[in-house]
Amino acid sequence: MAILRTLLGRAVQHVASDPRTREKAKTFVREEVAPRARDAAGKGRDTYELLRDDWRETGEKAPQDDSAARRAGRFFGKVHNRLNQEPRE
């Protein structure tokens, strides 16, 4: 196993030292990975804002004598309902 690890490490070092491979990797990251990461971050931000609003609404509408566990249960119920209603991509 150690021999394979050593050979693989050497192969990776050899490939990484090639300027053409570095340029291809840089182009791939710039054209493929970065746009997908930006899209995922945007979707995550939208989801965060929806959840934050639900959390605030749950806290504002809850009676003062409700326990924290009951409020959390209401919040997670809203999240569950939202996930089951919205179509997934």
Foldseek 3Di string as FASTA:
>chain_A
DVVVVVVVVVVVVVLVVDPVSVVVVVVCCVPPVVVVVVVVVVVVVVVVVVLVVLLVVLVVPDDPPDDPVVSVVVSVVVVVVVVVPDDDD
